[in-house]
Amino acid sequence: GPLIKKGEKYFNYVNKEVPADQVVEYKDKFKGHQYYHKYTEAQIQNLKELLIFLFTTYKIPLHYNEDMWTVSKNATSGKAGLYTHVSYRPDKSDAHPDPSLIKMLKSLN
């Protein structure tokens, strides 16, 4: 999730320090925040496996949607596809466009 920078250190919502090498910076901010906790390789790999399972089981299209990082008309209208929590609710910032996550999602096409 989003982080707050205090001096040269980064802190999460419970004021726990996050090492700088686990921080992704969005120069133009995302959902009002400049810094977010990076997803780990294990998180991304587990998500990939889950998405492949869901595709296989429920035939959900796995193409990458550029609009998934804002409230998406496709998502809110019920169009099948890959979306995030932020695709449905403008107040959410728990999923963010980490470059390693986007790379994995695009690899599913």
Protein backbone atom coordinates (compact mmCIF):
# COMPACT_ATOMS: atom_id res chain seq x y z
CA GLY A 1 0.00 0.00 0.00
CA PRO A 2 0.94 3.67 0.11
CA LEU A 3 3.90 4.80 2.17
CA ILE A 4 4.86 8.06 3.83
CA LYS A 5 8.40 9.34 3.54
CA LYS A 6 9.84 10.93 6.67
CA GLY A 7 13.34 12.22 6.04
CA GLU A 8 15.05 9.38 4.19
CA LYS A 9 12.82 6.62 5.62
CA TYR A 10 9.51 5.16 4.47
CA PHE A 11 6.63 4.09 6.68
CA ASN A 12 3.43 2.13 6.08
CA TYR A 13 -0.03 2.81 7.50
CA VAL A 14 0.85 1.29 10.89
CA ASN A 15 4.03 3.40 11.06
CA LYS A 16 6.30 0.41 10.43
CA GLU A 17 9.46 1.26 8.51
CA VAL A 18 9.80 -0.18 5.01
CA PRO A 19 13.33 -0.61 3.60
CA ALA A 20 14.10 1.73 0.67
CA ASP A 21 14.75 -1.22 -1.66
CA GLN A 22 11.11 -2.27 -1.14
CA VAL A 23 9.70 1.07 -2.29
CA VAL A 24 8.33 2.00 -5.70
CA GLU A 25 8.03 5.70 -6.52
CA TYR A 26 5.41 7.22 -8.81
CA LYS A 27 6.74 10.59 -9.95
CA ASP A 28 3.22 11.76 -10.88
CA LYS A 29 1.69 10.05 -7.81
CA PHE A 30 -0.91 7.28 -7.80
CA LYS A 31 -4.12 7.87 -5.88
CA GLY A 32 -2.49 10.88 -4.24
CA HIS A 33 0.59 9.01 -3.01
CA GLN A 34 4.12 9.09 -4.38
CA TYR A 35 5.52 6.00 -2.62
CA TYR A 36 4.17 2.46 -2.36
CA HIS A 37 5.41 -0.83 -0.94
CA LYS A 38 6.67 -2.98 -3.84
CA TYR A 39 5.12 -6.36 -4.43
CA THR A 40 7.52 -9.22 -3.74
CA GLU A 41 8.47 -11.73 -6.42
CA ALA A 42 6.60 -14.39 -4.42
CA GLN A 43 3.43 -12.28 -4.34
CA ILE A 44 3.59 -11.71 -8.09
CA GLN A 45 4.27 -15.39 -8.82
CA ASN A 46 1.43 -16.53 -6.54
CA LEU A 47 -0.93 -14.04 -8.18
CA LYS A 48 0.08 -15.31 -11.61
CA GLU A 49 -0.69 -18.89 -10.58
CA LEU A 50 -4.05 -17.81 -9.11
CA LEU A 51 -5.00 -15.89 -12.25
CA ILE A 52 -4.13 -18.85 -14.47
CA PHE A 53 -6.25 -21.08 -12.23
CA LEU A 54 -9.18 -18.64 -12.40
CA PHE A 55 -8.85 -18.38 -16.17
CA THR A 56 -8.83 -22.16 -16.51
CA THR A 57 -11.74 -22.65 -14.11
CA TYR A 58 -13.97 -19.68 -15.01
CA LYS A 59 -12.71 -18.68 -18.47
CA ILE A 60 -11.94 -15.11 -17.36
CA PRO A 61 -10.09 -13.23 -20.12
CA LEU A 62 -6.51 -12.54 -19.04
CA HIS A 63 -5.69 -9.63 -21.33
CA TYR A 64 -4.15 -6.58 -19.66
CA ASN A 65 -6.53 -3.63 -19.30
CA GLU A 66 -4.81 -0.25 -19.26
CA ASP A 67 -7.84 1.22 -17.45
CA MET A 68 -7.61 -1.18 -14.50
CA TRP A 69 -5.81 1.41 -12.35
CA THR A 70 -8.77 3.79 -12.21
CA VAL A 71 -12.49 3.21 -11.88
CA SER A 72 -13.18 1.34 -15.10
CA LYS A 73 -16.45 1.49 -17.02
CA ASN A 74 -15.67 -2.00 -18.30
CA ALA A 75 -15.27 -3.32 -14.76
CA THR A 76 -18.30 -1.57 -13.30
CA SER A 77 -20.50 -2.67 -16.22
CA GLY A 78 -19.62 -6.32 -15.56
CA LYS A 79 -17.43 -6.93 -18.61
CA ALA A 80 -15.31 -10.01 -17.93
CA GLY A 81 -11.62 -9.34 -17.56
CA LEU A 82 -8.69 -8.59 -15.29
CA TYR A 83 -9.34 -5.77 -12.86
CA THR A 84 -8.16 -4.60 -9.45
CA HIS A 85 -9.94 -3.30 -6.38
CA VAL A 86 -9.20 0.22 -7.64
CA SER A 87 -11.07 -0.60 -10.87
CA TYR A 88 -14.32 -0.50 -8.89
CA ARG A 89 -13.83 2.03 -6.09
CA PRO A 90 -12.17 5.45 -6.29
CA ASP A 91 -11.35 5.42 -2.56
CA LYS A 92 -9.13 2.31 -2.81
CA SER A 93 -5.36 2.33 -3.26
CA ASP A 94 -4.49 -1.20 -2.15
CA ALA A 95 -3.55 -2.28 -5.67
CA HIS A 96 -1.04 -0.12 -7.50
CA PRO A 97 0.63 -0.26 -10.92
CA ASP A 98 3.99 -1.64 -9.80
CA PRO A 99 6.05 -2.16 -13.00
CA SER A 100 6.85 -5.77 -12.06
CA LEU A 101 3.14 -6.47 -11.59
CA ILE A 102 2.26 -4.91 -14.95
CA LYS A 103 5.00 -6.95 -16.64
CA MET A 104 3.54 -10.16 -15.21
CA LEU A 105 -0.02 -9.21 -16.16
CA LYS A 106 1.02 -8.43 -19.74
CA SER A 107 2.79 -11.81 -19.94
CA LEU A 108 -0.59 -13.54 -19.47
CA ASN A 109 -1.87 -12.41 -22.89
